[in-house]
Amino acid sequence: MKKIVFMLIALSFSAPSYAASIKAEVNGMVCAFCAKGIEKKLNALPQSQNVFVDLKNHIVVLELKENENVPLEDFKAIIKDAGYDVSAAEVVDKTAAEIKAEIAK
């Protein structure tokens, strides 16, 4: 009985699972065709939940499926292979929709 109680307590204090996003500033995006190209490549990833591209602010967001990961270097390489430069990238604890809403303010 003690083992079961301990396991339940341990499970209740484990870290919550959430979807994270990779947010990047991308140089070289100048048209809707550019944005669609990046969006298509990132949506093709099996870890992809959602992709948001803001052409005006040069922001690209890859929202990951729950408990999935894409190393930052791999993310940057995908964008670089598409012909663009990543000036900054970070993992954030927000959805693509949340980031989109922040930018719209």
PDB file of N, CA and C in Angstrom:
ATOM      1  N   MET A   1       0.818  -1.190   0.000  1.00  0.00           N
ATOM      2  CA  MET A   1       0.000   0.000   0.000  1.00  0.00           C
ATOM      3  C   MET A   1       0.870   1.265   0.000  1.00  0.00           C
ATOM      4  N   LYS A   2       1.949   1.271   0.752  1.00  0.00           N
ATOM      5  CA  LYS A   2       2.815   2.437   0.810  1.00  0.00           C
ATOM      6  C   LYS A   2       3.423   2.741  -0.551  1.00  0.00           C
ATOM      7  N   LYS A   3       3.781   1.701  -1.310  1.00  0.00           N
ATOM      8  CA  LYS A   3       4.364   1.916  -2.630  1.00  0.00           C
ATOM      9  C   LYS A   3       3.366   2.589  -3.557  1.00  0.00           C
ATOM     10  N   ILE A   4       2.137   2.181  -3.515  1.00  0.00           N
ATOM     11  CA  ILE A   4       1.121   2.763  -4.381  1.00  0.00           C
ATOM     12  C   ILE A   4       0.894   4.223  -4.030  1.00  0.00           C
ATOM     13  N   VAL A   5       0.808   4.544  -2.765  1.00  0.00           N
ATOM     14  CA  VAL A   5       0.618   5.932  -2.337  1.00  0.00           C
ATOM     15  C   VAL A   5       1.802   6.772  -2.761  1.00  0.00           C
ATOM     16  N   PHE A   6       3.004   6.271  -2.592  1.00  0.00           N
ATOM     17  CA  PHE A   6       4.199   6.998  -2.985  1.00  0.00           C
ATOM     18  C   PHE A   6       4.194   7.259  -4.484  1.00  0.00           C
ATOM     19  N   MET A   7       3.830   6.271  -5.276  1.00  0.00           N
ATOM     20  CA  MET A   7       3.797   6.440  -6.723  1.00  0.00           C
ATOM     21  C   MET A   7       2.761   7.484  -7.126  1.00  0.00           C
ATOM     22  N   LEU A   8       1.616   7.487  -6.491  1.00  0.00           N
ATOM     23  CA  LEU A   8       0.599   8.477  -6.803  1.00  0.00           C
ATOM     24  C   LEU A   8       1.055   9.884  -6.438  1.00  0.00           C
ATOM     25  N   ILE A   9       1.724  10.010  -5.314  1.00  0.00           N
ATOM     26  CA  ILE A   9       2.254  11.313  -4.906  1.00  0.00           C
ATOM     27  C   ILE A   9       3.325  11.764  -5.890  1.00  0.00           C
ATOM     28  N   ALA A  10       4.204  10.874  -6.268  1.00  0.00           N
ATOM     29  CA  ALA A  10       5.261  11.213  -7.217  1.00  0.00           C
ATOM     30  C   ALA A  10       4.671  11.642  -8.559  1.00  0.00           C
ATOM     31  N   LEU A  11       3.656  10.960  -9.019  1.00  0.00           N
ATOM     32  CA  LEU A  11       3.028  11.318 -10.285  1.00  0.00           C
ATOM     33  C   LEU A  11       2.339  12.669 -10.211  1.00  0.00           C
ATOM     34  N   SER A  12       1.764  12.978  -9.078  1.00  0.00           N
ATOM     35  CA  SER A  12       1.060  14.252  -8.960  1.00  0.00           C
ATOM     36  C   SER A  12       2.013  15.434  -8.936  1.00  0.00           C
ATOM     37  N   PHE A  13       3.278  15.218  -8.586  1.00  0.00           N
ATOM     38  CA  PHE A  13       4.252  16.299  -8.553  1.00  0.00           C
ATOM     39  C   PHE A  13       5.160  16.319  -9.766  1.00  0.00           C
ATOM     40  N   SER A  14       4.936  15.438 -10.721  1.00  0.00           N
ATOM     41  CA  SER A  14       5.779  15.438 -11.909  1.00  0.00           C
ATOM     42  C   SER A  14       5.470  16.672 -12.747  1.00  0.00           C
ATOM     43  N   ALA A  15       6.404  17.038 -13.588  1.00  0.00           N
ATOM     44  CA  ALA A  15       6.241  18.246 -14.400  1.00  0.00           C
ATOM     45  C   ALA A  15       5.086  18.065 -15.381  1.00  0.00           C
ATOM     46  N   PRO A  16       4.303  19.103 -15.561  1.00  0.00           N
ATOM     47  CA  PRO A  16       3.198  18.997 -16.500  1.00  0.00           C
ATOM     48  C   PRO A  16       3.720  18.919 -17.932  1.00  0.00           C
ATOM     49  N   SER A  17       2.986  18.218 -18.775  1.00  0.00           N
ATOM     50  CA  SER A  17       3.391  18.166 -20.168  1.00  0.00           C
ATOM     51  C   SER A  17       2.702  19.313 -20.901  1.00  0.00           C
ATOM     52  N   TYR A  18       3.435  19.999 -21.734  1.00  0.00           N
ATOM     53  CA  TYR A  18       2.887  21.123 -22.475  1.00  0.00           C
ATOM     54  C   TYR A  18       3.591  21.198 -23.811  1.00  0.00           C
ATOM     55  N   ALA A  19       2.987  21.871 -24.705  1.00  0.00           N
ATOM     56  CA  ALA A  19       3.606  22.080 -26.004  1.00  0.00           C
ATOM     57  C   ALA A  19       4.414  23.370 -25.962  1.00  0.00           C
ATOM     58  N   ALA A  20       5.620  23.312 -26.413  1.00  0.00           N
ATOM     59  CA  ALA A  20       6.466  24.489 -26.496  1.00  0.00           C
ATOM     60  C   ALA A  20       6.536  24.927 -27.957  1.00  0.00           C
ATOM     61  N   SER A  21       7.076  26.088 -28.174  1.00  0.00           N
ATOM     62  CA  SER A  21       7.250  26.604 -29.524  1.00  0.00           C
ATOM     63  C   SER A  21       8.671  27.110 -29.689  1.00  0.00           C
ATOM     64  N   ILE A  22       9.119  27.116 -30.925  1.00  0.00           N
ATOM     65  CA  ILE A  22      10.385  27.754 -31.265  1.00  0.00           C
ATOM     66  C   ILE A  22      10.022  29.032 -32.008  1.00  0.00           C
ATOM     67  N   LYS A  23      10.501  30.138 -31.490  1.00  0.00           N
ATOM     68  CA  LYS A  23      10.237  31.450 -32.087  1.00  0.00           C
ATOM     69  C   LYS A  23      11.551  31.980 -32.647  1.00  0.00           C
ATOM     70  N   ALA A  24      11.509  32.449 -33.889  1.00  0.00           N
ATOM     71  CA  ALA A  24      12.733  32.923 -34.522  1.00  0.00           C
ATOM     72  C   ALA A  24      12.505  34.207 -35.287  1.00  0.00           C
ATOM     73  N   GLU A  25      13.556  35.010 -35.340  1.00  0.00           N
ATOM     74  CA  GLU A  25      13.597  36.175 -36.214  1.00  0.00           C
ATOM     75  C   GLU A  25      14.336  35.741 -37.468  1.00  0.00           C
ATOM     76  N   VAL A  26      13.686  35.908 -38.619  1.00  0.00           N
ATOM     77  CA  VAL A  26      14.235  35.407 -39.876  1.00  0.00           C
ATOM     78  C   VAL A  26      14.432  36.559 -40.852  1.00  0.00           C
ATOM     79  N   ASN A  27      15.655  36.705 -41.331  1.00  0.00           N
ATOM     80  CA  ASN A  27      15.980  37.743 -42.306  1.00  0.00           C
ATOM     81  C   ASN A  27      15.819  37.184 -43.717  1.00  0.00           C
ATOM     82  N   GLY A  28      15.387  38.035 -44.624  1.00  0.00           N
ATOM     83  CA  GLY A  28      15.293  37.641 -46.025  1.00  0.00           C
ATOM     84  C   GLY A  28      13.880  37.336 -46.495  1.00  0.00           C
ATOM     85  N   MET A  29      12.928  37.262 -45.578  1.00  0.00           N
ATOM     86  CA  MET A  29      11.547  37.041 -45.979  1.00  0.00           C
ATOM     87  C   MET A  29      10.975  38.372 -46.468  1.00  0.00           C
ATOM     88  N   VAL A  30      10.627  38.449 -47.746  1.00  0.00           N
ATOM     89  CA  VAL A  30      10.137  39.705 -48.289  1.00  0.00           C
ATOM     90  C   VAL A  30       8.780  39.597 -48.973  1.00  0.00           C
ATOM     91  N   CYS A  31       8.282  38.375 -49.148  1.00  0.00           N
ATOM     92  CA  CYS A  31       7.004  38.225 -49.844  1.00  0.00           C
ATOM     93  C   CYS A  31       6.219  37.040 -49.275  1.00  0.00           C
ATOM     94  N   ALA A  32       4.958  36.953 -49.663  1.00  0.00           N
ATOM     95  CA  ALA A  32       4.103  35.867 -49.195  1.00  0.00           C
ATOM     96  C   ALA A  32       4.616  34.508 -49.670  1.00  0.00           C
ATOM     97  N   PHE A  33       5.242  34.479 -50.832  1.00  0.00           N
ATOM     98  CA  PHE A  33       5.819  33.228 -51.339  1.00  0.00           C
ATOM     99  C   PHE A  33       6.914  32.731 -50.397  1.00  0.00           C
ATOM    100  N   CYS A  34       7.731  33.654 -49.899  1.00  0.00           N
ATOM    101  CA  CYS A  34       8.790  33.302 -48.940  1.00  0.00           C
ATOM    102  C   CYS A  34       8.177  32.683 -47.684  1.00  0.00           C
ATOM    103  N   ALA A  35       7.165  33.353 -47.166  1.00  0.00           N
ATOM    104  CA  ALA A  35       6.514  32.894 -45.937  1.00  0.00           C
ATOM    105  C   ALA A  35       5.894  31.519 -46.134  1.00  0.00           C
ATOM    106  N   LYS A  36       5.220  31.304 -47.266  1.00  0.00           N
ATOM    107  CA  LYS A  36       4.579  30.010 -47.532  1.00  0.00           C
ATOM    108  C   LYS A  36       5.613  28.895 -47.658  1.00  0.00           C
ATOM    109  N   GLY A  37       6.763  29.207 -48.238  1.00  0.00           N
ATOM    110  CA  GLY A  37       7.820  28.204 -48.383  1.00  0.00           C
ATOM    111  C   GLY A  37       8.330  27.716 -47.035  1.00  0.00           C
ATOM    112  N   ILE A  38       8.571  28.649 -46.128  1.00  0.00           N
ATOM    113  CA  ILE A  38       9.030  28.296 -44.782  1.00  0.00           C
ATOM    114  C   ILE A  38       7.928  27.533 -44.047  1.00  0.00           C
ATOM    115  N   GLU A  39       6.704  28.026 -44.156  1.00  0.00           N
ATOM    116  CA  GLU A  39       5.570  27.388 -43.485  1.00  0.00           C
ATOM    117  C   GLU A  39       5.406  25.932 -43.952  1.00  0.00           C
ATOM    118  N   LYS A  40       5.543  25.707 -45.235  1.00  0.00           N
ATOM    119  CA  LYS A  40       5.394  24.353 -45.795  1.00  0.00           C
ATOM    120  C   LYS A  40       6.484  23.418 -45.257  1.00  0.00           C
ATOM    121  N   LYS A  41       7.723  23.888 -45.235  1.00  0.00           N
ATOM    122  CA  LYS A  41       8.826  23.046 -44.738  1.00  0.00           C
ATOM    123  C   LYS A  41       8.642  22.694 -43.261  1.00  0.00           C
ATOM    124  N   LEU A  42       8.223  23.655 -42.448  1.00  0.00           N
ATOM    125  CA  LEU A  42       8.060  23.393 -41.015  1.00  0.00           C
ATOM    126  C   LEU A  42       6.824  22.532 -40.728  1.00  0.00           C
ATOM    127  N   ASN A  43       5.756  22.729 -41.492  1.00  0.00           N
ATOM    128  CA  ASN A  43       4.564  21.895 -41.316  1.00  0.00           C
ATOM    129  C   ASN A  43       4.824  20.439 -41.676  1.00  0.00           C
ATOM    130  N   ALA A  44       5.825  20.192 -42.509  1.00  0.00           N
ATOM    131  CA  ALA A  44       6.160  18.830 -42.915  1.00  0.00           C
ATOM    132  C   ALA A  44       6.847  18.029 -41.804  1.00  0.00           C
ATOM    133  N   LEU A  45       7.345  18.717 -40.781  1.00  0.00           N
ATOM    134  CA  LEU A  45       8.003  18.019 -39.675  1.00  0.00           C
ATOM    135  C   LEU A  45       6.976  17.207 -38.878  1.00  0.00           C
ATOM    136  N   PRO A  46       7.295  15.978 -38.506  1.00  0.00           N
ATOM    137  CA  PRO A  46       6.345  15.184 -37.717  1.00  0.00           C
ATOM    138  C   PRO A  46       6.082  15.771 -36.331  1.00  0.00           C
ATOM    139  N   GLN A  47       6.983  16.589 -35.816  1.00  0.00           N
ATOM    140  CA  GLN A  47       6.829  17.197 -34.492  1.00  0.00           C
ATOM    141  C   GLN A  47       5.963  18.454 -34.530  1.00  0.00           C
ATOM    142  N   SER A  48       5.603  18.914 -35.735  1.00  0.00           N
ATOM    143  CA  SER A  48       4.898  20.177 -35.897  1.00  0.00           C
ATOM    144  C   SER A  48       3.429  20.080 -35.524  1.00  0.00           C
ATOM    145  N   GLN A  49       3.003  20.993 -34.652  1.00  0.00           N
ATOM    146  CA  GLN A  49       1.595  21.132 -34.289  1.00  0.00           C
ATOM    147  C   GLN A  49       0.963  22.275 -35.087  1.00  0.00           C
ATOM    148  N   ASN A  50       1.736  23.377 -35.206  1.00  0.00           N
ATOM    149  CA  ASN A  50       1.225  24.566 -35.876  1.00  0.00           C
ATOM    150  C   ASN A  50       2.419  25.427 -36.276  1.00  0.00           C
ATOM    151  N   VAL A  51       2.259  26.181 -37.336  1.00  0.00           N
ATOM    152  CA  VAL A  51       3.307  27.096 -37.782  1.00  0.00           C
ATOM    153  C   VAL A  51       2.668  28.459 -38.020  1.00  0.00           C
ATOM    154  N   PHE A  52       3.346  29.485 -37.559  1.00  0.00           N
ATOM    155  CA  PHE A  52       2.898  30.866 -37.770  1.00  0.00           C
ATOM    156  C   PHE A  52       4.064  31.656 -38.341  1.00  0.00           C
ATOM    157  N   VAL A  53       3.809  32.352 -39.439  1.00  0.00           N
ATOM    158  CA  VAL A  53       4.826  33.198 -40.060  1.00  0.00           C
ATOM    159  C   VAL A  53       4.262  34.608 -40.160  1.00  0.00           C
ATOM    160  N   ASP A  54       4.982  35.559 -39.576  1.00  0.00           N
ATOM    161  CA  ASP A  54       4.600  36.971 -39.645  1.00  0.00           C
ATOM    162  C   ASP A  54       5.612  37.668 -40.550  1.00  0.00           C
ATOM    163  N   LEU A  55       5.195  37.912 -41.772  1.00  0.00           N
ATOM    164  CA  LEU A  55       6.076  38.500 -42.773  1.00  0.00           C
ATOM    165  C   LEU A  55       6.517  39.910 -42.396  1.00  0.00           C
ATOM    166  N   LYS A  56       5.578  40.696 -41.870  1.00  0.00           N
ATOM    167  CA  LYS A  56       5.864  42.099 -41.518  1.00  0.00           C
ATOM    168  C   LYS A  56       6.957  42.209 -40.452  1.00  0.00           C
ATOM    169  N   ASN A  57       6.888  41.355 -39.428  1.00  0.00           N
ATOM    170  CA  ASN A  57       7.848  41.404 -38.321  1.00  0.00           C
ATOM    171  C   ASN A  57       8.977  40.390 -38.451  1.00  0.00           C
ATOM    172  N   HIS A  58       8.994  39.641 -39.530  1.00  0.00           N
ATOM    173  CA  HIS A  58      10.036  38.641 -39.801  1.00  0.00           C
ATOM    174  C   HIS A  58      10.129  37.587 -38.688  1.00  0.00           C
ATOM    175  N   ILE A  59       8.961  37.156 -38.208  1.00  0.00           N
ATOM    176  CA  ILE A  59       8.888  36.171 -37.126  1.00  0.00           C
ATOM    177  C   ILE A  59       8.364  34.850 -37.678  1.00  0.00           C
ATOM    178  N   VAL A  60       9.016  33.762 -37.271  1.00  0.00           N
ATOM    179  CA  VAL A  60       8.565  32.410 -37.608  1.00  0.00           C
ATOM    180  C   VAL A  60       8.421  31.645 -36.302  1.00  0.00           C
ATOM    181  N   VAL A  61       7.275  30.977 -36.147  1.00  0.00           N
ATOM    182  CA  VAL A  61       7.016  30.203 -34.938  1.00  0.00           C
ATOM    183  C   VAL A  61       6.654  28.782 -35.327  1.00  0.00           C
ATOM    184  N   LEU A  62       7.353  27.834 -34.738  1.00  0.00           N
ATOM    185  CA  LEU A  62       7.040  26.414 -34.889  1.00  0.00           C
ATOM    186  C   LEU A  62       6.512  25.924 -33.549  1.00  0.00           C
ATOM    187  N   GLU A  63       5.216  25.662 -33.497  1.00  0.00           N
ATOM    188  CA  GLU A  63       4.617  25.103 -32.280  1.00  0.00           C
ATOM    189  C   GLU A  63       4.749  23.590 -32.347  1.00  0.00           C
ATOM    190  N   LEU A  64       5.308  23.017 -31.306  1.00  0.00           N
ATOM    191  CA  LEU A  64       5.573  21.578 -31.275  1.00  0.00           C
ATOM    192  C   LEU A  64       4.418  20.810 -30.647  1.00  0.00           C
ATOM    193  N   LYS A  65       4.251  19.588 -31.109  1.00  0.00           N
ATOM    194  CA  LYS A  65       3.269  18.708 -30.483  1.00  0.00           C
ATOM    195  C   LYS A  65       3.712  18.426 -29.056  1.00  0.00           C
ATOM    196  N   GLU A  66       2.770  18.038 -28.231  1.00  0.00           N
ATOM    197  CA  GLU A  66       3.050  17.757 -26.825  1.00  0.00           C
ATOM    198  C   GLU A  66       4.162  16.714 -26.701  1.00  0.00           C
ATOM    199  N   ASN A  67       5.116  16.997 -25.836  1.00  0.00           N
ATOM    200  CA  ASN A  67       6.263  16.125 -25.540  1.00  0.00           C
ATOM    201  C   ASN A  67       7.170  15.873 -26.737  1.00  0.00           C
ATOM    202  N   GLU A  68       7.146  16.760 -27.734  1.00  0.00           N
ATOM    203  CA  GLU A  68       8.027  16.647 -28.897  1.00  0.00           C
ATOM    204  C   GLU A  68       9.106  17.721 -28.815  1.00  0.00           C
ATOM    205  N   ASN A  69      10.156  17.530 -29.584  1.00  0.00           N
ATOM    206  CA  ASN A  69      11.280  18.452 -29.557  1.00  0.00           C
ATOM    207  C   ASN A  69      11.932  18.519 -30.929  1.00  0.00           C
ATOM    208  N   VAL A  70      12.419  19.682 -31.282  1.00  0.00           N
ATOM    209  CA  VAL A  70      13.264  19.882 -32.449  1.00  0.00           C
ATOM    210  C   VAL A  70      14.442  20.715 -31.954  1.00  0.00           C
ATOM    211  N   PRO A  71      15.652  20.190 -32.064  1.00  0.00           N
ATOM    212  CA  PRO A  71      16.807  20.983 -31.627  1.00  0.00           C
ATOM    213  C   PRO A  71      16.882  22.311 -32.389  1.00  0.00           C
ATOM    214  N   LEU A  72      17.283  23.369 -31.701  1.00  0.00           N
ATOM    215  CA  LEU A  72      17.378  24.687 -32.325  1.00  0.00           C
ATOM    216  C   LEU A  72      18.258  24.674 -33.568  1.00  0.00           C
ATOM    217  N   GLU A  73      19.336  23.932 -33.525  1.00  0.00           N
ATOM    218  CA  GLU A  73      20.244  23.878 -34.677  1.00  0.00           C
ATOM    219  C   GLU A  73      19.557  23.251 -35.886  1.00  0.00           C
ATOM    220  N   ASP A  74      18.724  22.226 -35.670  1.00  0.00           N
ATOM    221  CA  ASP A  74      17.979  21.609 -36.767  1.00  0.00           C
ATOM    222  C   ASP A  74      16.953  22.583 -37.325  1.00  0.00           C
ATOM    223  N   PHE A  75      16.271  23.300 -36.442  1.00  0.00           N
ATOM    224  CA  PHE A  75      15.293  24.302 -36.846  1.00  0.00           C
ATOM    225  C   PHE A  75      15.970  25.375 -37.706  1.00  0.00           C
ATOM    226  N   LYS A  76      17.103  25.875 -37.230  1.00  0.00           N
ATOM    227  CA  LYS A  76      17.836  26.905 -37.985  1.00  0.00           C
ATOM    228  C   LYS A  76      18.292  26.378 -39.341  1.00  0.00           C
ATOM    229  N   ALA A  77      18.730  25.121 -39.376  1.00  0.00           N
ATOM    230  CA  ALA A  77      19.201  24.521 -40.627  1.00  0.00           C
ATOM    231  C   ALA A  77      18.077  24.419 -41.660  1.00  0.00           C
ATOM    232  N   ILE A  78      16.878  24.093 -41.218  1.00  0.00           N
ATOM    233  CA  ILE A  78      15.731  24.007 -42.128  1.00  0.00           C
ATOM    234  C   ILE A  78      15.476  25.363 -42.779  1.00  0.00           C
ATOM    235  N   ILE A  79      15.510  26.409 -41.975  1.00  0.00           N
ATOM    236  CA  ILE A  79      15.269  27.754 -42.507  1.00  0.00           C
ATOM    237  C   ILE A  79      16.418  28.205 -43.400  1.00  0.00           C
ATOM    238  N   LYS A  80      17.642  27.894 -43.000  1.00  0.00           N
ATOM    239  CA  LYS A  80      18.805  28.254 -43.811  1.00  0.00           C
ATOM    240  C   LYS A  80      18.771  27.520 -45.150  1.00  0.00           C
ATOM    241  N   ASP A  81      18.396  26.237 -45.127  1.00  0.00           N
ATOM    242  CA  ASP A  81      18.295  25.460 -46.367  1.00  0.00           C
ATOM    243  C   ASP A  81      17.213  26.016 -47.296  1.00  0.00           C
ATOM    244  N   ALA A  82      16.227  26.692 -46.723  1.00  0.00           N
ATOM    245  CA  ALA A  82      15.176  27.324 -47.524  1.00  0.00           C
ATOM    246  C   ALA A  82      15.649  28.655 -48.111  1.00  0.00           C
ATOM    247  N   GLY A  83      16.835  29.108 -47.694  1.00  0.00           N
ATOM    248  CA  GLY A  83      17.415  30.320 -48.266  1.00  0.00           C
ATOM    249  C   GLY A  83      17.329  31.560 -47.400  1.00  0.00           C
ATOM    250  N   TYR A  84      17.090  31.377 -46.111  1.00  0.00           N
ATOM    251  CA  TYR A  84      16.917  32.517 -45.213  1.00  0.00           C
ATOM    252  C   TYR A  84      17.882  32.417 -44.041  1.00  0.00           C
ATOM    253  N   ASP A  85      18.049  33.534 -43.342  1.00  0.00           N
ATOM    254  CA  ASP A  85      18.978  33.606 -42.219  1.00  0.00           C
ATOM    255  C   ASP A  85      18.214  33.791 -40.915  1.00  0.00           C
ATOM    256  N   VAL A  86      18.549  33.000 -39.915  1.00  0.00           N
ATOM    257  CA  VAL A  86      17.939  33.131 -38.590  1.00  0.00           C
ATOM    258  C   VAL A  86      18.848  34.016 -37.751  1.00  0.00           C
ATOM    259  N   SER A  87      18.343  35.191 -37.369  1.00  0.00           N
ATOM    260  CA  SER A  87      19.169  36.097 -36.562  1.00  0.00           C
ATOM    261  C   SER A  87      19.049  35.792 -35.078  1.00  0.00           C
ATOM    262  N   ALA A  88      17.926  35.203 -34.651  1.00  0.00           N
ATOM    263  CA  ALA A  88      17.729  34.823 -33.249  1.00  0.00           C
ATOM    264  C   ALA A  88      16.661  33.739 -33.193  1.00  0.00           C
ATOM    265  N   ALA A  89      16.840  32.795 -32.275  1.00  0.00           N
ATOM    266  CA  ALA A  89      15.844  31.734 -32.082  1.00  0.00           C
ATOM    267  C   ALA A  89      15.850  31.317 -30.625  1.00  0.00           C
ATOM    268  N   GLU A  90      14.645  31.003 -30.127  1.00  0.00           N
ATOM    269  CA  GLU A  90      14.531  30.574 -28.741  1.00  0.00           C
ATOM    270  C   GLU A  90      13.317  29.668 -28.576  1.00  0.00           C
ATOM    271  N   VAL A  91      13.377  28.818 -27.572  1.00  0.00           N
ATOM    272  CA  VAL A  91      12.230  27.987 -27.210  1.00  0.00           C
ATOM    273  C   VAL A  91      11.416  28.768 -26.190  1.00  0.00           C
ATOM    274  N   VAL A  92      10.116  28.857 -26.439  1.00  0.00           N
ATOM    275  CA  VAL A  92       9.222  29.592 -25.549  1.00  0.00           C
ATOM    276  C   VAL A  92       8.064  28.700 -25.125  1.00  0.00           C
ATOM    277  N   ASP A  93       7.519  28.963 -23.956  1.00  0.00           N
ATOM    278  CA  ASP A  93       6.399  28.191 -23.422  1.00  0.00           C
ATOM    279  C   ASP A  93       5.071  28.834 -23.806  1.00  0.00           C
ATOM    280  N   LYS A  94       4.885  29.056 -25.100  1.00  0.00           N
ATOM    281  CA  LYS A  94       3.671  29.676 -25.614  1.00  0.00           C
ATOM    282  C   LYS A  94       3.268  28.953 -26.888  1.00  0.00           C
ATOM    283  N   THR A  95       1.983  29.028 -27.194  1.00  0.00           N
ATOM    284  CA  THR A  95       1.502  28.469 -28.450  1.00  0.00           C
ATOM    285  C   THR A  95       1.711  29.484 -29.563  1.00  0.00           C
ATOM    286  N   ALA A  96       1.592  29.020 -30.783  1.00  0.00           N
ATOM    287  CA  ALA A  96       1.695  29.929 -31.924  1.00  0.00           C
ATOM    288  C   ALA A  96       0.589  30.977 -31.863  1.00  0.00           C
ATOM    289  N   ALA A  97      -0.601  30.570 -31.445  1.00  0.00           N
ATOM    290  CA  ALA A  97      -1.726  31.513 -31.333  1.00  0.00           C
ATOM    291  C   ALA A  97      -1.443  32.599 -30.296  1.00  0.00           C
ATOM    292  N   GLU A  98      -0.818  32.241 -29.186  1.00  0.00           N
ATOM    293  CA  GLU A  98      -0.478  33.231 -28.152  1.00  0.00           C
ATOM    294  C   GLU A  98       0.540  34.232 -28.677  1.00  0.00           C
ATOM    295  N   ILE A  99       1.522  33.741 -29.406  1.00  0.00           N
ATOM    296  CA  ILE A  99       2.547  34.628 -29.964  1.00  0.00           C
ATOM    297  C   ILE A  99       1.925  35.536 -31.018  1.00  0.00           C
ATOM    298  N   LYS A 100       1.063  34.980 -31.848  1.00  0.00           N
ATOM    299  CA  LYS A 100       0.369  35.764 -32.864  1.00  0.00           C
ATOM    300  C   LYS A 100      -0.445  36.885 -32.213  1.00  0.00           C
ATOM    301  N   ALA A 101      -1.131  36.584 -31.128  1.00  0.00           N
ATOM    302  CA  ALA A 101      -1.932  37.581 -30.409  1.00  0.00           C
ATOM    303  C   ALA A 101      -1.036  38.677 -29.830  1.00  0.00           C
ATOM    304  N   GLU A 102       0.117  38.310 -29.298  1.00  0.00           N
ATOM    305  CA  GLU A 102       1.052  39.307 -28.742  1.00  0.00           C
ATOM    306  C   GLU A 102       1.535  40.259 -29.822  1.00  0.00           C
ATOM    307  N   ILE A 103       1.840  39.728 -30.992  1.00  0.00           N
ATOM    308  CA  ILE A 103       2.345  40.546 -32.089  1.00  0.00           C
ATOM    309  C   ILE A 103       1.264  41.499 -32.583  1.00  0.00           C
ATOM    310  N   ALA A 104       0.017  41.037 -32.559  1.00  0.00           N
ATOM    311  CA  ALA A 104      -1.100  41.843 -33.067  1.00  0.00           C
ATOM    312  C   ALA A 104      -1.426  43.033 -32.182  1.00  0.00           C
ATOM    313  N   LYS A 105      -0.942  43.053 -30.945  1.00  0.00           N
ATOM    314  CA  LYS A 105      -1.251  44.155 -30.009  1.00  0.00           C
ATOM    315  C   LYS A 105      -0.627  45.453 -30.441  1.00  0.00           C
TER     316      LYS A 105
END
